[in-house]
Protein backbone atom coordinates (compact mmCIF):
# COMPACT_ATOMS: atom_id res chain seq x y z
CA MET A 1 -18.51 -19.68 6.97
CA GLU A 2 -17.90 -17.10 4.67
CA SER A 3 -16.26 -13.83 5.43
CA THR A 4 -17.47 -10.72 4.18
CA ILE A 5 -15.36 -8.27 2.40
CA PHE A 6 -15.80 -5.74 5.14
CA LEU A 7 -13.95 -8.95 7.90
CA GLN A 8 -11.01 -10.03 5.23
CA LEU A 9 -9.96 -6.08 4.99
CA ALA A 10 -10.51 -6.24 8.56
CA ALA A 11 -8.00 -9.10 8.73
CA VAL A 12 -5.82 -7.12 5.85
CA LEU A 13 -5.47 -4.17 8.39
CA ALA A 14 -5.05 -5.83 11.32
CA VAL A 15 -2.25 -7.82 10.65
CA ALA A 16 -0.79 -5.12 8.87
CA ALA A 17 -0.99 -2.85 12.28
CA GLY A 18 0.65 -5.47 14.20
CA VAL A 19 3.22 -6.15 11.68
CA SER A 20 4.19 -2.37 11.41
CA ILE A 21 4.26 -2.28 15.69
CA ILE A 22 7.04 -5.06 15.33
CA MET A 23 9.02 -3.54 12.67
CA ARG A 24 8.76 -0.18 14.66
CA LEU A 25 9.79 -2.32 17.91
CA LEU A 26 12.51 -3.76 15.83
CA ARG A 27 14.07 0.09 14.45
CA GLN A 28 13.24 -1.72 10.83
CA PRO A 29 11.66 0.70 8.24
CA LEU A 30 8.05 -0.30 7.84
CA ILE A 31 7.89 -0.91 3.88
CA ILE A 32 9.60 -4.40 5.29
CA GLY A 33 6.10 -4.40 7.35
CA TYR A 34 3.91 -4.12 4.44
CA ILE A 35 5.46 -6.71 2.52
CA LEU A 36 6.23 -9.17 5.33
CA SER A 37 2.03 -8.34 5.93
CA GLY A 38 1.71 -9.03 2.18
CA ILE A 39 3.30 -12.25 2.27
CA ILE A 40 1.34 -13.07 5.66
CA CYS A 41 -2.17 -12.23 4.23
CA GLY A 42 -1.37 -14.49 0.96
CA PRO A 43 -2.06 -17.65 0.01
CA ALA A 44 1.56 -18.59 1.21
CA ALA A 45 0.49 -18.26 4.27
CA LEU A 46 -3.13 -17.30 6.34
CA ASP A 47 -4.87 -17.17 2.64
CA LEU A 48 -7.27 -14.04 4.45
CA ILE A 49 -8.50 -12.85 1.32
CA GLN A 50 -10.93 -14.97 -1.17
CA ASN A 51 -12.48 -11.75 -3.45
CA HIS A 52 -9.18 -10.72 -5.16
CA GLU A 53 -10.95 -8.99 -7.60
CA ALA A 54 -12.27 -6.42 -4.68
CA PHE A 55 -8.77 -6.64 -3.42
CA GLU A 56 -7.59 -5.64 -6.50
CA SER A 57 -9.40 -2.72 -7.49
CA PHE A 58 -8.53 -1.57 -3.66
CA SER A 59 -4.79 -1.62 -4.54
CA GLN A 60 -5.44 0.15 -8.32
CA ILE A 61 -7.63 2.90 -6.41
CA GLY A 62 -4.46 2.87 -3.71
CA ILE A 63 -1.80 3.23 -6.36
CA ALA A 64 -4.15 5.69 -7.91
CA LEU A 65 -4.30 8.08 -4.69
CA LEU A 66 -0.32 7.43 -4.11
CA LEU A 67 0.43 9.21 -7.55
CA PHE A 68 -1.88 11.62 -6.90
CA ILE A 69 -0.36 13.03 -3.69
CA VAL A 70 2.62 13.06 -5.02
CA GLY A 71 1.51 15.28 -7.34
CA LEU A 72 0.08 17.46 -5.41
CA GLY A 73 3.73 17.90 -3.47
CA LEU A 74 5.82 17.84 -6.30
CA ASN A 75 7.30 22.05 -7.01
CA VAL A 76 7.03 22.95 -10.39
CA GLY A 77 10.02 24.41 -10.57
CA VAL A 78 11.67 21.43 -10.44
CA ILE A 79 10.18 20.33 -13.81
CA LYS A 80 10.18 23.53 -15.15
CA ILE A 81 12.49 23.63 -18.55
CA PRO A 82 13.67 27.56 -19.08
CA VAL A 83 12.78 29.10 -22.31
CA ASN A 84 16.62 29.81 -23.12
CA GLN A 85 16.92 25.75 -23.35
CA CYS A 86 14.15 24.99 -25.33
CA SER A 87 16.44 25.75 -28.58
C-alpha cells in the first residue's frame, strides 16, 4: 500500500515526538533527539520516507523560516557600525 505524503509526515512527526520525550526524560538536549529521529526515519533504519522531493522542500522551507525568526530577534544595535569607525 502506497502511503501519502501526509502519512509519511505524520509518521516522522510521531517518531520525533516520541524520541523528544525520551530525550526529555533522560535530560539530554533535544537536538540529539532530532538527529536520532532523522536517523530512525531515514533509509538507515525504518525508511519511512518515499517522497524525497517533498521532504527536501519541507527542509528548505524550515531553514528559511528559522533564519527569518532569528533575523526578527536580532538586535540592530549589535551589528550597527559606529560612524567614527567607518574611515
